[in-house]
């Protein structure tokens, strides 16, 4: 009879630290997903829709106001169709300028300079810590 010594198998060995870290990360992600359910589109979709609506309205209103003023001038002074044509094209130019300003975000609040992303983040952090909101003046 031959006896062979086999190594002892114990379950008391400590688990792999990377495996424990992976399990903790998975639990944290699952908990966060439950707290903040994902919305398709969300804020980005709303921002895009609001910018598109603003661009459309500003362009149409500028053309309509320009054409209306031109028609009124033609009616008052009898210069048909020149007042309507000139102010129509001025309205188109004004509408395009408004679209350009809206897309490049030039038309911010009067007197306030545009902040960089870092400054805006720092201001938000300061505001959440209880300090007042800081404004940058031109």
N, C-alpha and C. Protein backbone atom coordinates (compact mmCIF):
# COMPACT_ATOMS: atom_id res chain seq x y z
N UNK A 1 0.83 -1.15 0.00
CA UNK A 1 0.00 0.00 0.00
C UNK A 1 0.90 1.24 0.00
N UNK A 2 0.58 2.20 -0.90
CA UNK A 2 1.37 3.42 -1.03
C UNK A 2 0.51 4.59 -0.57
N UNK A 3 1.05 5.35 0.30
CA UNK A 3 0.34 6.53 0.76
C UNK A 3 0.95 7.78 0.14
N UNK A 4 0.06 8.64 -0.34
CA UNK A 4 0.51 9.89 -0.96
C UNK A 4 0.01 11.04 -0.10
N UNK A 5 0.88 11.95 0.20
CA UNK A 5 0.49 13.10 1.01
C UNK A 5 -0.01 14.21 0.09
N UNK A 6 -1.23 14.56 0.28
CA UNK A 6 -1.83 15.64 -0.51
C UNK A 6 -1.80 16.93 0.31
N UNK A 7 -1.64 18.08 -0.35
CA UNK A 7 -1.66 19.34 0.43
C UNK A 7 -3.04 19.58 0.99
N UNK A 8 -3.07 20.20 2.14
CA UNK A 8 -4.32 20.47 2.82
C UNK A 8 -5.03 21.65 2.16
N UNK A 9 -6.28 21.52 1.84
CA UNK A 9 -7.08 22.58 1.25
C UNK A 9 -7.83 23.29 2.37
N UNK A 10 -7.59 24.57 2.49
CA UNK A 10 -8.31 25.32 3.51
C UNK A 10 -9.07 26.45 2.85
N UNK A 11 -10.16 26.76 3.43
CA UNK A 11 -10.96 27.87 2.94
C UNK A 11 -10.68 29.13 3.76
N UNK A 12 -9.77 29.09 4.62
CA UNK A 12 -9.47 30.21 5.49
C UNK A 12 -8.49 31.20 4.89
N UNK A 13 -8.07 31.02 3.64
CA UNK A 13 -7.12 31.96 3.05
C UNK A 13 -7.84 33.28 2.74
N UNK A 14 -7.14 34.38 2.88
CA UNK A 14 -7.78 35.66 2.62
C UNK A 14 -8.11 35.80 1.13
N UNK A 15 -9.24 36.45 0.80
CA UNK A 15 -9.60 36.62 -0.60
C UNK A 15 -8.67 37.61 -1.29
N UNK A 16 -8.65 37.55 -2.59
CA UNK A 16 -7.81 38.42 -3.40
C UNK A 16 -8.25 39.87 -3.21
N UNK A 17 -7.33 40.82 -2.92
CA UNK A 17 -7.73 42.20 -2.69
C UNK A 17 -8.33 42.86 -3.95
N UNK A 18 -7.86 42.49 -5.13
CA UNK A 18 -8.43 43.06 -6.36
C UNK A 18 -9.85 42.58 -6.59
N UNK A 19 -10.12 41.33 -6.24
CA UNK A 19 -11.48 40.81 -6.38
C UNK A 19 -12.42 41.54 -5.44
N UNK A 20 -11.95 41.79 -4.19
CA UNK A 20 -12.79 42.53 -3.25
C UNK A 20 -13.04 43.94 -3.75
N UNK A 21 -12.03 44.61 -4.31
CA UNK A 21 -12.20 45.95 -4.83
C UNK A 21 -13.20 45.96 -5.99
N UNK A 22 -13.12 44.96 -6.86
CA UNK A 22 -14.07 44.86 -7.97
C UNK A 22 -15.50 44.69 -7.48
N UNK A 23 -15.68 43.87 -6.44
CA UNK A 23 -17.02 43.67 -5.89
C UNK A 23 -17.54 44.97 -5.28
N UNK A 24 -16.69 45.69 -4.56
CA UNK A 24 -17.11 46.95 -3.95
C UNK A 24 -17.47 47.98 -5.01
N UNK A 25 -16.70 48.04 -6.09
CA UNK A 25 -17.01 48.98 -7.18
C UNK A 25 -18.34 48.63 -7.84
N UNK A 26 -18.58 47.34 -8.06
CA UNK A 26 -19.84 46.92 -8.67
C UNK A 26 -21.03 47.29 -7.78
N UNK A 27 -20.88 47.11 -6.47
CA UNK A 27 -21.95 47.48 -5.55
C UNK A 27 -22.18 48.99 -5.56
N UNK A 28 -21.10 49.77 -5.58
CA UNK A 28 -21.24 51.22 -5.59
C UNK A 28 -21.92 51.71 -6.87
N UNK A 29 -21.55 51.14 -8.02
CA UNK A 29 -22.18 51.52 -9.28
C UNK A 29 -23.66 51.16 -9.30
N UNK A 30 -23.98 50.00 -8.76
CA UNK A 30 -25.39 49.59 -8.72
C UNK A 30 -26.19 50.52 -7.81
N UNK A 31 -25.61 50.91 -6.67
CA UNK A 31 -26.29 51.83 -5.76
C UNK A 31 -26.47 53.20 -6.38
N UNK A 32 -25.47 53.65 -7.11
CA UNK A 32 -25.58 54.97 -7.76
C UNK A 32 -26.61 54.93 -8.88
N UNK A 33 -26.67 53.84 -9.61
CA UNK A 33 -27.66 53.72 -10.68
C UNK A 33 -29.08 53.73 -10.11
N UNK A 34 -29.25 53.16 -8.93
CA UNK A 34 -30.58 53.19 -8.31
C UNK A 34 -30.94 54.59 -7.83
N UNK A 35 -29.96 55.33 -7.34
CA UNK A 35 -30.23 56.68 -6.83
C UNK A 35 -30.49 57.67 -7.96
N UNK A 36 -29.74 57.59 -9.04
CA UNK A 36 -29.87 58.51 -10.17
C UNK A 36 -30.29 57.76 -11.42
N UNK A 37 -31.58 57.51 -11.59
CA UNK A 37 -31.98 56.78 -12.79
C UNK A 37 -31.67 57.60 -14.03
N UNK A 38 -31.13 56.95 -15.05
CA UNK A 38 -30.77 57.65 -16.28
C UNK A 38 -31.99 58.03 -17.09
N UNK A 39 -31.96 59.25 -17.58
CA UNK A 39 -33.04 59.73 -18.45
C UNK A 39 -32.47 59.86 -19.85
N UNK A 40 -33.12 59.31 -20.82
CA UNK A 40 -32.59 59.44 -22.17
C UNK A 40 -32.65 60.90 -22.62
N UNK A 41 -31.51 61.43 -23.02
CA UNK A 41 -31.48 62.82 -23.46
C UNK A 41 -31.23 63.76 -22.29
N UNK A 42 -32.19 63.87 -21.42
CA UNK A 42 -32.07 64.69 -20.22
C UNK A 42 -31.81 66.15 -20.52
N UNK A 43 -30.87 66.72 -19.79
CA UNK A 43 -30.59 68.15 -19.89
C UNK A 43 -30.02 68.52 -21.25
N UNK A 44 -29.20 67.65 -21.85
CA UNK A 44 -28.62 67.97 -23.15
C UNK A 44 -29.70 68.09 -24.22
N UNK A 45 -30.69 67.23 -24.17
CA UNK A 45 -31.78 67.29 -25.13
C UNK A 45 -32.57 68.59 -24.94
N UNK A 46 -32.84 68.96 -23.71
CA UNK A 46 -33.58 70.20 -23.44
C UNK A 46 -32.79 71.42 -23.88
N UNK A 47 -31.49 71.43 -23.66
CA UNK A 47 -30.67 72.56 -24.09
C UNK A 47 -30.67 72.68 -25.60
N UNK A 48 -30.56 71.55 -26.29
CA UNK A 48 -30.56 71.57 -27.74
C UNK A 48 -31.89 72.06 -28.30
N UNK A 49 -32.98 71.58 -27.72
CA UNK A 49 -34.29 72.01 -28.17
C UNK A 49 -34.52 73.49 -27.91
N UNK A 50 -34.09 73.97 -26.76
CA UNK A 50 -34.29 75.39 -26.46
C UNK A 50 -33.46 76.28 -27.37
N UNK A 51 -32.23 75.87 -27.67
CA UNK A 51 -31.40 76.65 -28.58
C UNK A 51 -31.99 76.65 -29.99
N UNK A 52 -32.46 75.50 -30.45
CA UNK A 52 -33.08 75.43 -31.77
C UNK A 52 -34.34 76.28 -31.86
N UNK A 53 -35.16 76.25 -30.83
CA UNK A 53 -36.38 77.07 -30.81
C UNK A 53 -36.02 78.55 -30.79
N UNK A 54 -35.02 78.91 -30.00
CA UNK A 54 -34.61 80.32 -29.94
C UNK A 54 -34.10 80.79 -31.30
N UNK A 55 -33.29 79.99 -31.95
CA UNK A 55 -32.75 80.36 -33.26
C UNK A 55 -33.88 80.55 -34.27
N UNK A 56 -34.80 79.61 -34.30
CA UNK A 56 -35.91 79.71 -35.24
C UNK A 56 -36.78 80.93 -35.00
N UNK A 57 -37.11 81.18 -33.76
CA UNK A 57 -37.98 82.31 -33.43
C UNK A 57 -37.28 83.63 -33.75
N UNK A 58 -36.01 83.76 -33.38
CA UNK A 58 -35.30 85.00 -33.64
C UNK A 58 -35.17 85.29 -35.13
N UNK A 59 -34.91 84.26 -35.91
CA UNK A 59 -34.77 84.46 -37.35
C UNK A 59 -36.10 84.87 -37.98
N UNK A 60 -37.17 84.18 -37.64
CA UNK A 60 -38.48 84.47 -38.22
C UNK A 60 -38.98 85.85 -37.78
N UNK A 61 -38.81 86.18 -36.51
CA UNK A 61 -39.29 87.46 -36.01
C UNK A 61 -38.54 88.62 -36.67
N UNK A 62 -37.23 88.48 -36.83
CA UNK A 62 -36.46 89.55 -37.47
C UNK A 62 -36.93 89.78 -38.90
N UNK A 63 -37.17 88.71 -39.65
CA UNK A 63 -37.63 88.85 -41.03
C UNK A 63 -39.04 89.45 -41.08
N UNK A 64 -39.94 89.00 -40.22
CA UNK A 64 -41.31 89.50 -40.21
C UNK A 64 -41.35 90.98 -39.81
N UNK A 65 -40.59 91.35 -38.79
CA UNK A 65 -40.59 92.76 -38.36
C UNK A 65 -40.00 93.65 -39.45
N UNK A 66 -38.90 93.21 -40.05
CA UNK A 66 -38.31 94.00 -41.12
C UNK A 66 -39.25 94.18 -42.30
N UNK A 67 -39.89 93.09 -42.71
CA UNK A 67 -40.83 93.16 -43.83
C UNK A 67 -42.04 94.02 -43.48
N UNK A 68 -42.53 93.89 -42.28
CA UNK A 68 -43.68 94.69 -41.84
C UNK A 68 -43.36 96.18 -41.81
N UNK A 69 -42.19 96.52 -41.29
CA UNK A 69 -41.79 97.93 -41.28
C UNK A 69 -41.61 98.46 -42.71
N UNK A 70 -41.04 97.65 -43.58
CA UNK A 70 -40.88 98.06 -44.97
C UNK A 70 -42.22 98.28 -45.65
N UNK A 71 -43.16 97.40 -45.41
CA UNK A 71 -44.51 97.55 -45.99
C UNK A 71 -45.17 98.82 -45.46
N UNK A 72 -45.00 99.09 -44.16
CA UNK A 72 -45.59 100.30 -43.56
C UNK A 72 -44.96 101.56 -44.16
N UNK A 73 -43.67 101.55 -44.36
CA UNK A 73 -43.01 102.71 -44.97
C UNK A 73 -43.49 102.89 -46.41
N UNK A 74 -43.62 101.78 -47.14
CA UNK A 74 -44.13 101.86 -48.53
C UNK A 74 -45.55 102.41 -48.54
N UNK A 75 -46.37 102.00 -47.61
CA UNK A 75 -47.77 102.45 -47.58
C UNK A 75 -47.85 103.94 -47.25
N UNK A 76 -47.00 104.39 -46.30
CA UNK A 76 -47.02 105.79 -45.90
C UNK A 76 -46.47 106.73 -46.99
N UNK A 77 -45.36 106.35 -47.61
CA UNK A 77 -44.68 107.25 -48.53
C UNK A 77 -44.88 106.89 -50.00
N UNK A 78 -45.56 105.78 -50.29
CA UNK A 78 -45.83 105.38 -51.66
C UNK A 78 -44.59 104.99 -52.45
N UNK A 79 -43.66 104.33 -51.80
CA UNK A 79 -42.40 103.94 -52.45
C UNK A 79 -42.37 102.46 -52.79
N UNK A 80 -43.52 101.89 -53.09
CA UNK A 80 -43.58 100.44 -53.31
C UNK A 80 -42.68 100.01 -54.44
N UNK A 81 -42.01 98.94 -54.38
CA UNK A 81 -41.75 97.91 -53.38
C UNK A 81 -40.43 98.10 -52.66
N UNK A 82 -39.78 99.27 -52.83
CA UNK A 82 -38.41 99.43 -52.36
C UNK A 82 -38.27 99.37 -50.83
N UNK A 83 -39.14 99.94 -50.09
CA UNK A 83 -39.05 99.89 -48.63
C UNK A 83 -39.18 98.46 -48.12
N UNK A 84 -40.12 97.73 -48.71
CA UNK A 84 -40.32 96.33 -48.31
C UNK A 84 -39.09 95.50 -48.63
N UNK A 85 -38.53 95.67 -49.83
CA UNK A 85 -37.36 94.88 -50.23
C UNK A 85 -36.14 95.19 -49.36
N UNK A 86 -35.89 96.47 -49.17
CA UNK A 86 -34.71 96.86 -48.39
C UNK A 86 -34.82 96.38 -46.95
N UNK A 87 -35.95 96.61 -46.32
CA UNK A 87 -36.10 96.20 -44.92
C UNK A 87 -36.26 94.69 -44.78
N UNK A 88 -36.74 94.00 -45.82
CA UNK A 88 -36.76 92.54 -45.78
C UNK A 88 -35.33 92.01 -45.67
N UNK A 89 -34.43 92.52 -46.52
CA UNK A 89 -33.04 92.05 -46.48
C UNK A 89 -32.33 92.50 -45.21
N UNK A 90 -32.67 93.67 -44.68
CA UNK A 90 -32.12 94.07 -43.39
C UNK A 90 -32.61 93.15 -42.27
N UNK A 91 -33.88 92.74 -42.36
CA UNK A 91 -34.42 91.80 -41.38
C UNK A 91 -33.73 90.44 -41.45
N UNK A 92 -33.44 89.98 -42.67
CA UNK A 92 -32.72 88.71 -42.84
C UNK A 92 -31.32 88.83 -42.24
N UNK A 93 -30.64 89.96 -42.50
CA UNK A 93 -29.30 90.16 -41.95
C UNK A 93 -29.34 90.22 -40.42
N UNK A 94 -30.33 90.91 -39.87
CA UNK A 94 -30.45 90.98 -38.40
C UNK A 94 -30.75 89.61 -37.81
N UNK A 95 -31.59 88.83 -38.49
CA UNK A 95 -31.89 87.48 -38.02
C UNK A 95 -30.66 86.59 -38.04
N UNK A 96 -29.87 86.69 -39.10
CA UNK A 96 -28.64 85.89 -39.18
C UNK A 96 -27.64 86.30 -38.09
N UNK A 97 -27.56 87.59 -37.82
CA UNK A 97 -26.68 88.06 -36.75
C UNK A 97 -27.15 87.52 -35.40
N UNK A 98 -28.45 87.51 -35.17
CA UNK A 98 -28.99 86.94 -33.93
C UNK A 98 -28.69 85.45 -33.82
N UNK A 99 -28.80 84.74 -34.93
CA UNK A 99 -28.49 83.30 -34.93
C UNK A 99 -27.02 83.10 -34.60
N UNK A 100 -26.15 83.88 -35.22
CA UNK A 100 -24.71 83.77 -34.94
C UNK A 100 -24.42 84.05 -33.46
N UNK A 101 -25.04 85.07 -32.92
CA UNK A 101 -24.83 85.39 -31.51
C UNK A 101 -25.34 84.28 -30.59
N UNK A 102 -26.46 83.69 -30.95
CA UNK A 102 -27.02 82.62 -30.12
C UNK A 102 -26.14 81.38 -30.16
N UNK A 103 -25.61 81.05 -31.34
CA UNK A 103 -24.79 79.85 -31.47
C UNK A 103 -23.45 80.02 -30.78
N UNK A 104 -22.85 81.20 -30.90
CA UNK A 104 -21.55 81.42 -30.27
C UNK A 104 -21.67 81.94 -28.85
N UNK A 105 -22.89 82.09 -28.36
CA UNK A 105 -23.18 82.54 -27.00
C UNK A 105 -22.56 83.91 -26.70
N UNK A 106 -22.61 84.81 -27.65
CA UNK A 106 -22.08 86.15 -27.45
C UNK A 106 -23.04 86.99 -26.62
N UNK A 107 -24.32 86.83 -26.83
CA UNK A 107 -25.30 87.70 -26.19
C UNK A 107 -25.61 87.33 -24.76
N UNK A 108 -24.61 87.28 -23.88
CA UNK A 108 -24.84 86.97 -22.48
C UNK A 108 -25.46 88.15 -21.74
N UNK A 109 -25.48 88.07 -20.43
CA UNK A 109 -26.02 89.15 -19.62
C UNK A 109 -25.17 90.40 -19.78
N UNK A 110 -25.80 91.55 -19.80
CA UNK A 110 -25.09 92.80 -20.00
C UNK A 110 -24.20 93.08 -18.80
N UNK A 111 -22.92 93.40 -19.07
CA UNK A 111 -22.00 93.76 -18.00
C UNK A 111 -21.24 92.59 -17.42
N UNK A 112 -21.64 91.38 -17.71
CA UNK A 112 -20.94 90.22 -17.17
C UNK A 112 -20.07 89.59 -18.24
N UNK A 113 -18.84 89.28 -17.91
CA UNK A 113 -17.94 88.61 -18.84
C UNK A 113 -18.23 87.11 -18.85
N UNK A 114 -17.96 86.47 -19.96
CA UNK A 114 -18.14 85.03 -20.03
C UNK A 114 -17.06 84.36 -19.18
N UNK A 115 -17.44 83.40 -18.39
CA UNK A 115 -16.50 82.70 -17.53
C UNK A 115 -15.95 81.49 -18.25
N UNK A 116 -14.74 81.12 -17.90
CA UNK A 116 -14.20 79.88 -18.41
C UNK A 116 -14.83 78.73 -17.62
N UNK A 117 -14.67 77.53 -18.12
CA UNK A 117 -15.26 76.37 -17.45
C UNK A 117 -14.67 76.19 -16.05
N UNK A 118 -13.38 76.47 -15.90
CA UNK A 118 -12.75 76.30 -14.59
C UNK A 118 -13.30 77.32 -13.59
N UNK A 119 -13.47 78.56 -14.03
CA UNK A 119 -14.01 79.57 -13.12
C UNK A 119 -15.44 79.25 -12.73
N UNK A 120 -16.23 78.76 -13.69
CA UNK A 120 -17.61 78.42 -13.38
C UNK A 120 -17.67 77.26 -12.39
N UNK A 121 -16.79 76.27 -12.55
CA UNK A 121 -16.75 75.14 -11.62
C UNK A 121 -16.34 75.58 -10.23
N UNK A 122 -15.36 76.47 -10.15
CA UNK A 122 -14.92 76.97 -8.85
C UNK A 122 -16.02 77.78 -8.18
N UNK A 123 -16.76 78.56 -8.97
CA UNK A 123 -17.85 79.36 -8.40
C UNK A 123 -18.96 78.44 -7.87
N UNK A 124 -19.26 77.36 -8.62
CA UNK A 124 -20.27 76.42 -8.14
C UNK A 124 -19.83 75.73 -6.87
N UNK A 125 -18.56 75.36 -6.79
CA UNK A 125 -18.05 74.71 -5.58
C UNK A 125 -18.12 75.67 -4.40
N UNK A 126 -17.77 76.92 -4.63
CA UNK A 126 -17.84 77.91 -3.55
C UNK A 126 -19.27 78.13 -3.10
N UNK A 127 -20.19 78.11 -4.05
CA UNK A 127 -21.61 78.33 -3.71
C UNK A 127 -22.15 77.16 -2.89
N UNK A 128 -21.75 75.94 -3.21
CA UNK A 128 -22.24 74.79 -2.46
C UNK A 128 -21.63 74.73 -1.07
N UNK A 129 -20.48 75.39 -0.89
CA UNK A 129 -19.85 75.41 0.43
C UNK A 129 -20.43 76.51 1.31
N UNK A 130 -21.37 77.29 0.78
CA UNK A 130 -22.03 78.28 1.60
C UNK A 130 -21.55 79.70 1.36
N UNK A 131 -20.57 79.88 0.52
CA UNK A 131 -20.11 81.23 0.22
C UNK A 131 -20.99 81.85 -0.84
N UNK A 132 -20.93 83.15 -0.95
CA UNK A 132 -21.75 83.89 -1.91
C UNK A 132 -21.29 83.67 -3.34
N UNK A 133 -22.14 84.04 -4.26
CA UNK A 133 -21.84 83.88 -5.68
C UNK A 133 -21.00 85.06 -6.15
N UNK A 134 -19.95 84.76 -6.91
CA UNK A 134 -19.05 85.79 -7.39
C UNK A 134 -19.38 86.13 -8.83
N UNK A 135 -19.34 87.42 -9.17
CA UNK A 135 -19.59 87.87 -10.53
C UNK A 135 -18.34 88.52 -11.07
N UNK A 136 -18.10 88.33 -12.35
CA UNK A 136 -16.96 88.94 -13.00
C UNK A 136 -17.48 90.07 -13.88
N UNK A 137 -17.03 91.30 -13.62
CA UNK A 137 -17.50 92.46 -14.37
C UNK A 137 -16.48 92.81 -15.44
N UNK A 138 -16.96 93.28 -16.55
CA UNK A 138 -16.07 93.72 -17.64
C UNK A 138 -15.46 95.04 -17.30
